[in-house]
Structures are given as structure tokens and as C-alpha cells.
Amino acid sequence: MIDFIFKKQGLRVRVAALIQNNKGKILLIQQHKKGHGYWLLPGGGIEFGESAEEALKRELKEELNFDVVSSSFLLLNESIDPQKKRHLIQLVFSVKVKDQVPTIDPKEKAISGFGYFTESEIQKLDLRPDIKEYFKKKKRTLSTYIPSKWVIES
């Protein structure tokens, strides 16, 4: 019921995983919408009654067949549509997984690809939500709040 109310109001709460390989590169997944490809941290929506960490484990297993070894809260990202019709809250966790090579389920229509990228390579990508500022910081603290501008689709 509450999930329905949130969706009707345009509020989405999403969990995301910041996964680094042994070279320090960050895993991003690719999606296509309206003929345009963009990148994002792997994850997805939290279901009503599910904790953020439970949602994170479920989403990573469903989308990439990853088993989570450990996770710790990293940052909260908030993005609001300038027209105030959509509002995204993203909880990002630093995550360690057993195997660093994802296996994408062929039935998974939302994901069109994946890759590991350096922080400087990420600056050149269409990242959604746009949390590139986080990757620019030399000194990062835990429990960071990062607002980001809404990406208007053309």
C-alpha cells in the first residue's frame, strides 16, 4: 500500500552498489531508455517491508547473479525532477561480492551491458543519477549526502 502511494506521488527509493574490482575500477551497468543509453550503479527499488541491505542483496542476485560478502553504507543521493513530478532517493553501499564478473540473466530486459570504469572514465559517461561529484572528491567521508541535478531526457 505504501509502495503504491510512493510510486503514485513519484517517489522512488533505490539501493545501489559501489563494487570495485581488484584494480580499483567501479562496476556500472548500462540501460537504454527512449533510444538513449546511460550508465548507473547496479541496484534497484526497495520493496515495502524490505530493509535496504535485503533489497541490495536481492537486486544484485537477480540482476547480476552476485552473492554479497559484505556491505557498508556509503552515501545518500537525492535527485528531484525540476517539475516536481519525480523524486529519487538512492542509498549507495560499498559492496564486496564473491565473484567480480556478473552474469546477466538473458530475461533481464533493463540491463543492456556492464563494465568496470576508472573514476576519470566515469566523468565522461552519462551517469544516472549523476553522482560524478562524489568520484571527483579526493577525501571521502562515510555517510555523505549528495544532491544531484535531475537529468532531463530529450
N, C-alpha and C. Protein backbone atom coordinates (compact mmCIF):
# COMPACT_ATOMS: atom_id res chain seq x y z
N MET A 1 0.83 -1.20 0.00
CA MET A 1 0.00 0.00 0.00
C MET A 1 0.87 1.26 0.00
N ILE A 2 1.85 1.31 0.89
CA ILE A 2 2.71 2.49 0.96
C ILE A 2 3.55 2.58 -0.31
N ASP A 3 4.02 1.45 -0.83
CA ASP A 3 4.79 1.45 -2.07
C ASP A 3 3.96 2.08 -3.19
N PHE A 4 2.68 1.75 -3.25
CA PHE A 4 1.78 2.31 -4.25
C PHE A 4 1.68 3.83 -4.08
N ILE A 5 1.55 4.28 -2.84
CA ILE A 5 1.45 5.72 -2.57
C ILE A 5 2.72 6.42 -3.02
N PHE A 6 3.88 5.85 -2.69
CA PHE A 6 5.15 6.47 -3.10
C PHE A 6 5.23 6.56 -4.62
N LYS A 7 4.93 5.47 -5.32
CA LYS A 7 5.02 5.47 -6.78
C LYS A 7 4.04 6.46 -7.38
N LYS A 8 2.83 6.52 -6.82
CA LYS A 8 1.82 7.45 -7.33
C LYS A 8 2.30 8.88 -7.16
N GLN A 9 2.98 9.17 -6.08
CA GLN A 9 3.50 10.50 -5.84
C GLN A 9 4.81 10.76 -6.58
N GLY A 10 5.38 9.73 -7.20
CA GLY A 10 6.62 9.90 -7.94
C GLY A 10 7.88 9.74 -7.11
N LEU A 11 7.75 9.21 -5.89
CA LEU A 11 8.91 8.98 -5.04
C LEU A 11 9.43 7.57 -5.25
N ARG A 12 10.72 7.47 -5.48
CA ARG A 12 11.35 6.15 -5.63
C ARG A 12 12.54 6.08 -4.70
N VAL A 13 12.61 5.00 -3.92
CA VAL A 13 13.75 4.76 -3.05
C VAL A 13 14.50 3.58 -3.66
N ARG A 14 15.76 3.80 -3.94
CA ARG A 14 16.58 2.82 -4.64
C ARG A 14 17.85 2.54 -3.86
N VAL A 15 18.30 1.29 -3.88
CA VAL A 15 19.60 0.93 -3.32
C VAL A 15 20.56 0.73 -4.49
N ALA A 16 21.84 1.03 -4.25
CA ALA A 16 22.83 0.88 -5.30
C ALA A 16 24.13 0.38 -4.68
N ALA A 17 24.88 -0.36 -5.48
CA ALA A 17 26.14 -0.94 -5.00
C ALA A 17 27.33 -0.31 -5.71
N LEU A 18 28.29 0.12 -4.93
CA LEU A 18 29.57 0.56 -5.47
C LEU A 18 30.51 -0.63 -5.29
N ILE A 19 30.76 -1.31 -6.40
CA ILE A 19 31.59 -2.52 -6.41
C ILE A 19 32.86 -2.21 -7.18
N GLN A 20 34.00 -2.46 -6.55
CA GLN A 20 35.29 -2.23 -7.22
C GLN A 20 35.98 -3.57 -7.45
N ASN A 21 36.61 -3.67 -8.62
CA ASN A 21 37.40 -4.87 -8.88
C ASN A 21 38.78 -4.72 -8.24
N ASN A 22 39.66 -5.71 -8.40
CA ASN A 22 40.97 -5.65 -7.74
C ASN A 22 41.90 -4.60 -8.34
N LYS A 23 41.49 -3.92 -9.42
CA LYS A 23 42.26 -2.81 -9.98
C LYS A 23 41.69 -1.46 -9.54
N GLY A 24 40.63 -1.51 -8.72
CA GLY A 24 40.02 -0.28 -8.23
C GLY A 24 38.99 0.33 -9.16
N LYS A 25 38.69 -0.36 -10.27
CA LYS A 25 37.67 0.14 -11.20
C LYS A 25 36.27 -0.16 -10.64
N ILE A 26 35.32 0.69 -11.01
CA ILE A 26 33.97 0.63 -10.46
C ILE A 26 33.01 0.02 -11.49
N LEU A 27 32.18 -0.91 -11.01
CA LEU A 27 31.21 -1.58 -11.88
C LEU A 27 30.01 -0.68 -12.12
N LEU A 28 29.66 -0.51 -13.40
CA LEU A 28 28.44 0.18 -13.79
C LEU A 28 27.67 -0.72 -14.74
N ILE A 29 26.36 -0.59 -14.71
CA ILE A 29 25.52 -1.32 -15.67
C ILE A 29 24.93 -0.30 -16.64
N GLN A 30 24.61 -0.77 -17.83
CA GLN A 30 24.05 0.12 -18.85
C GLN A 30 22.59 -0.21 -19.07
N GLN A 31 21.80 0.84 -19.24
CA GLN A 31 20.40 0.70 -19.59
C GLN A 31 20.10 1.60 -20.78
N HIS A 32 19.04 1.28 -21.49
CA HIS A 32 18.58 2.10 -22.62
C HIS A 32 17.14 2.52 -22.36
N LYS A 33 16.88 3.80 -22.59
CA LYS A 33 15.53 4.33 -22.44
C LYS A 33 15.33 5.35 -23.55
N LYS A 34 14.25 5.21 -24.28
CA LYS A 34 13.93 6.12 -25.38
C LYS A 34 15.09 6.22 -26.37
N GLY A 35 15.73 5.07 -26.65
CA GLY A 35 16.81 5.02 -27.63
C GLY A 35 18.13 5.60 -27.18
N HIS A 36 18.25 5.93 -25.90
CA HIS A 36 19.48 6.53 -25.38
C HIS A 36 20.06 5.65 -24.28
N GLY A 37 21.34 5.32 -24.38
CA GLY A 37 22.00 4.51 -23.37
C GLY A 37 22.62 5.37 -22.28
N TYR A 38 22.57 4.90 -21.07
CA TYR A 38 23.19 5.58 -19.94
C TYR A 38 23.68 4.53 -18.94
N TRP A 39 24.48 4.98 -18.00
CA TRP A 39 25.10 4.09 -17.02
C TRP A 39 24.60 4.39 -15.61
N LEU A 40 24.62 3.38 -14.76
CA LEU A 40 24.25 3.56 -13.36
C LEU A 40 24.89 2.48 -12.51
N LEU A 41 24.94 2.75 -11.21
CA LEU A 41 25.41 1.74 -10.28
C LEU A 41 24.37 0.63 -10.23
N PRO A 42 24.79 -0.64 -10.11
CA PRO A 42 23.81 -1.72 -10.04
C PRO A 42 22.97 -1.62 -8.77
N GLY A 43 21.72 -2.03 -8.88
CA GLY A 43 20.81 -1.99 -7.75
C GLY A 43 19.39 -1.91 -8.24
N GLY A 44 18.50 -1.41 -7.37
CA GLY A 44 17.10 -1.30 -7.74
C GLY A 44 16.25 -0.85 -6.58
N GLY A 45 14.96 -0.95 -6.78
CA GLY A 45 14.00 -0.45 -5.80
C GLY A 45 13.87 -1.32 -4.56
N ILE A 46 13.56 -0.65 -3.47
CA ILE A 46 13.29 -1.34 -2.21
C ILE A 46 11.80 -1.67 -2.17
N GLU A 47 11.49 -2.91 -1.85
CA GLU A 47 10.09 -3.31 -1.71
C GLU A 47 9.62 -3.02 -0.30
N PHE A 48 8.34 -2.72 -0.15
CA PHE A 48 7.79 -2.41 1.16
C PHE A 48 8.06 -3.56 2.14
N GLY A 49 8.55 -3.23 3.32
CA GLY A 49 8.85 -4.23 4.35
C GLY A 49 10.22 -4.85 4.22
N GLU A 50 10.99 -4.43 3.24
CA GLU A 50 12.32 -4.97 2.99
C GLU A 50 13.36 -3.94 3.44
N SER A 51 14.38 -4.40 4.14
CA SER A 51 15.44 -3.46 4.54
C SER A 51 16.28 -3.10 3.32
N ALA A 52 17.01 -2.01 3.43
CA ALA A 52 17.87 -1.58 2.33
C ALA A 52 18.90 -2.66 2.00
N GLU A 53 19.50 -3.26 3.01
CA GLU A 53 20.50 -4.30 2.75
C GLU A 53 19.89 -5.55 2.14
N GLU A 54 18.67 -5.90 2.55
CA GLU A 54 17.98 -7.05 1.94
C GLU A 54 17.70 -6.75 0.46
N ALA A 55 17.24 -5.55 0.18
CA ALA A 55 16.96 -5.16 -1.21
C ALA A 55 18.24 -5.20 -2.06
N LEU A 56 19.32 -4.72 -1.48
CA LEU A 56 20.60 -4.71 -2.17
C LEU A 56 21.02 -6.14 -2.55
N LYS A 57 20.96 -7.05 -1.60
CA LYS A 57 21.33 -8.44 -1.86
C LYS A 57 20.42 -9.06 -2.92
N ARG A 58 19.11 -8.80 -2.81
CA ARG A 58 18.15 -9.36 -3.77
C ARG A 58 18.41 -8.82 -5.17
N GLU A 59 18.55 -7.52 -5.29
CA GLU A 59 18.76 -6.90 -6.61
C GLU A 59 20.05 -7.38 -7.27
N LEU A 60 21.13 -7.47 -6.50
CA LEU A 60 22.40 -7.92 -7.08
C LEU A 60 22.33 -9.39 -7.51
N LYS A 61 21.59 -10.19 -6.75
CA LYS A 61 21.42 -11.60 -7.12
C LYS A 61 20.56 -11.72 -8.39
N GLU A 62 19.43 -10.99 -8.41
CA GLU A 62 18.51 -11.06 -9.55
C GLU A 62 19.14 -10.53 -10.84
N GLU A 63 19.78 -9.38 -10.76
CA GLU A 63 20.28 -8.73 -11.97
C GLU A 63 21.62 -9.26 -12.46
N LEU A 64 22.53 -9.57 -11.52
CA LEU A 64 23.90 -9.90 -11.92
C LEU A 64 24.40 -11.24 -11.40
N ASN A 65 23.56 -11.96 -10.68
CA ASN A 65 23.91 -13.24 -10.06
C ASN A 65 25.11 -13.09 -9.12
N PHE A 66 25.14 -11.99 -8.39
CA PHE A 66 26.19 -11.74 -7.40
C PHE A 66 25.74 -12.18 -6.02
N ASP A 67 26.67 -12.76 -5.27
CA ASP A 67 26.46 -13.05 -3.86
C ASP A 67 27.25 -12.02 -3.07
N VAL A 68 26.56 -11.28 -2.20
CA VAL A 68 27.19 -10.23 -1.40
C VAL A 68 27.95 -10.85 -0.24
N VAL A 69 29.22 -10.47 -0.10
CA VAL A 69 30.06 -10.91 1.02
C VAL A 69 29.91 -9.92 2.18
N SER A 70 29.97 -8.62 1.85
CA SER A 70 29.80 -7.58 2.86
C SER A 70 29.32 -6.30 2.21
N SER A 71 28.68 -5.45 3.02
CA SER A 71 28.24 -4.15 2.53
C SER A 71 28.26 -3.15 3.68
N SER A 72 28.56 -1.91 3.33
CA SER A 72 28.52 -0.85 4.33
C SER A 72 27.98 0.42 3.67
N PHE A 73 27.14 1.14 4.41
CA PHE A 73 26.52 2.35 3.88
C PHE A 73 27.59 3.37 3.52
N LEU A 74 27.45 3.98 2.36
CA LEU A 74 28.43 4.91 1.85
C LEU A 74 27.87 6.32 1.72
N LEU A 75 26.74 6.46 1.04
CA LEU A 75 26.19 7.80 0.83
C LEU A 75 24.71 7.75 0.48
N LEU A 76 24.07 8.90 0.67
CA LEU A 76 22.69 9.09 0.25
C LEU A 76 22.70 10.12 -0.86
N ASN A 77 22.07 9.76 -1.96
CA ASN A 77 21.96 10.66 -3.11
C ASN A 77 20.48 10.98 -3.32
N GLU A 78 20.19 12.25 -3.54
CA GLU A 78 18.81 12.67 -3.76
C GLU A 78 18.74 13.48 -5.05
N SER A 79 17.76 13.17 -5.87
CA SER A 79 17.58 13.86 -7.14
C SER A 79 16.09 14.13 -7.33
N ILE A 80 15.76 15.39 -7.61
CA ILE A 80 14.36 15.79 -7.76
C ILE A 80 14.16 16.42 -9.14
N ASP A 81 13.15 15.94 -9.83
CA ASP A 81 12.75 16.48 -11.12
C ASP A 81 12.39 17.96 -10.94
N PRO A 82 12.94 18.86 -11.78
CA PRO A 82 12.63 20.29 -11.64
C PRO A 82 11.13 20.61 -11.67
N GLN A 83 10.35 19.75 -12.33
CA GLN A 83 8.90 19.95 -12.38
C GLN A 83 8.20 19.34 -11.18
N LYS A 84 8.99 18.78 -10.26
CA LYS A 84 8.49 18.19 -9.00
C LYS A 84 7.51 17.02 -9.23
N LYS A 85 7.72 16.29 -10.33
CA LYS A 85 6.86 15.14 -10.61
C LYS A 85 7.50 13.82 -10.20
N ARG A 86 8.84 13.83 -10.11
CA ARG A 86 9.56 12.61 -9.69
C ARG A 86 10.64 12.99 -8.70
N HIS A 87 10.88 12.06 -7.77
CA HIS A 87 11.83 12.29 -6.68
C HIS A 87 12.53 10.96 -6.42
N LEU A 88 13.85 10.95 -6.52
CA LEU A 88 14.62 9.73 -6.31
C LEU A 88 15.52 9.88 -5.10
N ILE A 89 15.46 8.91 -4.22
CA ILE A 89 16.40 8.80 -3.10
C ILE A 89 17.17 7.51 -3.33
N GLN A 90 18.49 7.64 -3.42
CA GLN A 90 19.35 6.48 -3.68
C GLN A 90 20.29 6.28 -2.50
N LEU A 91 20.25 5.09 -1.93
CA LEU A 91 21.14 4.71 -0.84
C LEU A 91 22.26 3.88 -1.43
N VAL A 92 23.48 4.39 -1.37
CA VAL A 92 24.62 3.72 -2.00
C VAL A 92 25.45 3.03 -0.93
N PHE A 93 25.77 1.76 -1.18
CA PHE A 93 26.57 0.95 -0.28
C PHE A 93 27.87 0.54 -0.97
N SER A 94 28.95 0.51 -0.22
CA SER A 94 30.18 -0.09 -0.68
C SER A 94 30.00 -1.60 -0.50
N VAL A 95 30.18 -2.36 -1.58
CA VAL A 95 29.84 -3.79 -1.55
C VAL A 95 31.02 -4.64 -2.03
N LYS A 96 31.23 -5.73 -1.32
CA LYS A 96 32.18 -6.77 -1.74
C LYS A 96 31.34 -7.97 -2.17
N VAL A 97 31.69 -8.55 -3.32
CA VAL A 97 30.97 -9.71 -3.84
C VAL A 97 31.95 -10.87 -4.03
N LYS A 98 31.40 -12.10 -4.07
CA LYS A 98 32.25 -13.30 -4.22
C LYS A 98 32.97 -13.31 -5.55
N ASP A 99 32.24 -13.12 -6.63
CA ASP A 99 32.81 -13.17 -7.98
C ASP A 99 32.59 -11.81 -8.62
N GLN A 100 33.61 -11.23 -9.22
CA GLN A 100 33.50 -9.87 -9.76
C GLN A 100 33.02 -9.81 -11.21
N VAL A 101 32.75 -10.96 -11.81
CA VAL A 101 32.24 -10.97 -13.18
C VAL A 101 30.75 -11.29 -13.14
N PRO A 102 29.92 -10.29 -13.50
CA PRO A 102 28.48 -10.53 -13.43
C PRO A 102 27.99 -11.49 -14.50
N THR A 103 26.91 -12.16 -14.19
CA THR A 103 26.20 -13.00 -15.15
C THR A 103 24.81 -12.39 -15.29
N ILE A 104 24.55 -11.77 -16.43
CA ILE A 104 23.26 -11.12 -16.64
C ILE A 104 22.27 -12.14 -17.18
N ASP A 105 21.15 -12.25 -16.50
CA ASP A 105 20.07 -13.13 -16.93
C ASP A 105 19.56 -12.65 -18.29
N PRO A 106 19.51 -13.54 -19.31
CA PRO A 106 19.05 -13.14 -20.64
C PRO A 106 17.62 -12.58 -20.63
N LYS A 107 16.83 -12.92 -19.60
CA LYS A 107 15.46 -12.42 -19.49
C LYS A 107 15.43 -11.00 -18.94
N GLU A 108 16.56 -10.54 -18.40
CA GLU A 108 16.66 -9.19 -17.82
C GLU A 108 16.67 -8.18 -18.94
N LYS A 109 15.56 -7.48 -19.12
CA LYS A 109 15.42 -6.53 -20.23
C LYS A 109 15.98 -5.16 -19.90
N ALA A 110 16.11 -4.83 -18.62
CA ALA A 110 16.54 -3.48 -18.22
C ALA A 110 18.04 -3.27 -18.44
N ILE A 111 18.83 -4.32 -18.36
CA ILE A 111 20.29 -4.17 -18.46
C ILE A 111 20.76 -4.55 -19.86
N SER A 112 21.47 -3.61 -20.50
CA SER A 112 21.97 -3.89 -21.85
C SER A 112 23.48 -4.11 -21.89
N GLY A 113 24.15 -3.94 -20.75
CA GLY A 113 25.59 -4.17 -20.69
C GLY A 113 26.15 -3.79 -19.34
N PHE A 114 27.45 -4.01 -19.19
CA PHE A 114 28.13 -3.64 -17.95
C PHE A 114 29.60 -3.39 -18.26
N GLY A 115 30.28 -2.76 -17.33
CA GLY A 115 31.70 -2.52 -17.48
C GLY A 115 32.29 -1.99 -16.18
N TYR A 116 33.59 -2.14 -16.04
CA TYR A 116 34.32 -1.57 -14.91
C TYR A 116 35.06 -0.34 -15.44
N PHE A 117 34.94 0.77 -14.71
CA PHE A 117 35.49 2.05 -15.15
C PHE A 117 36.32 2.72 -14.07
N THR A 118 37.34 3.46 -14.50
CA THR A 118 38.10 4.28 -13.55
C THR A 118 37.24 5.50 -13.19
N GLU A 119 37.63 6.16 -12.12
CA GLU A 119 36.89 7.35 -11.71
C GLU A 119 36.97 8.45 -12.77
N SER A 120 38.09 8.56 -13.49
CA SER A 120 38.19 9.57 -14.55
C SER A 120 37.34 9.17 -15.77
N GLU A 121 37.24 7.90 -16.06
CA GLU A 121 36.39 7.45 -17.17
C GLU A 121 34.92 7.73 -16.86
N ILE A 122 34.54 7.58 -15.60
CA ILE A 122 33.15 7.82 -15.18
C ILE A 122 32.75 9.27 -15.46
N GLN A 123 33.70 10.19 -15.34
CA GLN A 123 33.41 11.61 -15.57
C GLN A 123 32.92 11.88 -16.99
N LYS A 124 33.24 10.99 -17.93
CA LYS A 124 32.88 11.18 -19.33
C LYS A 124 31.57 10.46 -19.71
N LEU A 125 31.01 9.71 -18.77
CA LEU A 125 29.81 8.91 -19.06
C LEU A 125 28.54 9.66 -18.70
N ASP A 126 27.43 9.23 -19.29
CA ASP A 126 26.11 9.70 -18.89
C ASP A 126 25.72 8.81 -17.71
N LEU A 127 25.97 9.30 -16.51
CA LEU A 127 25.72 8.55 -15.27
C LEU A 127 24.44 9.03 -14.64
N ARG A 128 23.56 8.09 -14.28
CA ARG A 128 22.29 8.45 -13.67
C ARG A 128 22.04 7.64 -12.41
N PRO A 129 21.60 8.25 -11.34
CA PRO A 129 21.67 9.68 -11.15
C PRO A 129 23.12 10.15 -11.22
N ASP A 130 23.28 11.42 -11.51
CA ASP A 130 24.61 11.98 -11.74
C ASP A 130 25.32 12.25 -10.42
N ILE A 131 26.14 11.27 -9.99
CA ILE A 131 26.90 11.42 -8.74
C ILE A 131 28.39 11.55 -9.03
N LYS A 132 28.72 12.10 -10.19
CA LYS A 132 30.13 12.25 -10.57
C LYS A 132 30.92 13.08 -9.56
N GLU A 133 30.26 14.03 -8.91
CA GLU A 133 30.93 14.86 -7.90
C GLU A 133 31.56 14.00 -6.81
N TYR A 134 30.90 12.93 -6.45
CA TYR A 134 31.44 12.03 -5.43
C TYR A 134 32.79 11.47 -5.87
N PHE A 135 32.90 11.09 -7.13
CA PHE A 135 34.13 10.49 -7.63
C PHE A 135 35.24 11.51 -7.85
N LYS A 136 34.89 12.79 -7.89
CA LYS A 136 35.90 13.84 -8.01
C LYS A 136 36.59 14.13 -6.68
N LYS A 137 35.92 13.84 -5.58
CA LYS A 137 36.47 14.16 -4.26
C LYS A 137 37.69 13.31 -3.97
N LYS A 138 38.73 13.95 -3.51
CA LYS A 138 39.95 13.21 -3.12
C LYS A 138 39.76 12.59 -1.74
N LYS A 139 39.18 13.36 -0.84
CA LYS A 139 38.94 12.88 0.52
C LYS A 139 37.45 12.62 0.68
N ARG A 140 37.10 11.37 0.89
CA ARG A 140 35.70 10.99 1.02
C ARG A 140 35.41 10.58 2.45
N THR A 141 34.25 10.96 2.90
CA THR A 141 33.82 10.57 4.24
C THR A 141 32.64 9.63 4.11
N LEU A 142 32.46 8.80 5.12
CA LEU A 142 31.30 7.92 5.14
C LEU A 142 30.06 8.75 5.44
N SER A 143 28.91 8.21 5.10
CA SER A 143 27.62 8.85 5.37
C SER A 143 27.53 10.23 4.73
N THR A 144 27.86 10.30 3.47
CA THR A 144 27.83 11.54 2.70
C THR A 144 26.44 11.73 2.09
N TYR A 145 25.99 12.98 2.07
CA TYR A 145 24.75 13.35 1.39
C TYR A 145 25.14 14.08 0.11
N ILE A 146 24.65 13.58 -1.04
CA ILE A 146 24.99 14.19 -2.32
C ILE A 146 23.72 14.49 -3.10
N PRO A 147 23.35 15.77 -3.17
CA PRO A 147 22.23 16.09 -4.06
C PRO A 147 22.74 16.12 -5.50
N SER A 148 21.90 15.75 -6.43
CA SER A 148 22.31 15.83 -7.84
C SER A 148 21.18 16.41 -8.66
N LYS A 149 21.55 17.07 -9.75
CA LYS A 149 20.54 17.66 -10.63
C LYS A 149 19.84 16.55 -11.39
N TRP A 150 18.56 16.73 -11.62
CA TRP A 150 17.77 15.78 -12.38
C TRP A 150 18.23 15.79 -13.84
N VAL A 151 18.40 14.62 -14.44
CA VAL A 151 18.80 14.54 -15.84
C VAL A 151 17.54 14.58 -16.68
N ILE A 152 17.40 15.63 -17.47
CA ILE A 152 16.21 15.78 -18.32
C ILE A 152 16.48 15.05 -19.63
N GLU A 153 15.56 14.12 -19.93
CA GLU A 153 15.70 13.33 -21.15
C GLU A 153 15.18 14.11 -22.34
N SER A 154 15.89 13.99 -23.45
CA SER A 154 15.47 14.70 -24.65
C SER A 154 14.56 13.86 -25.50
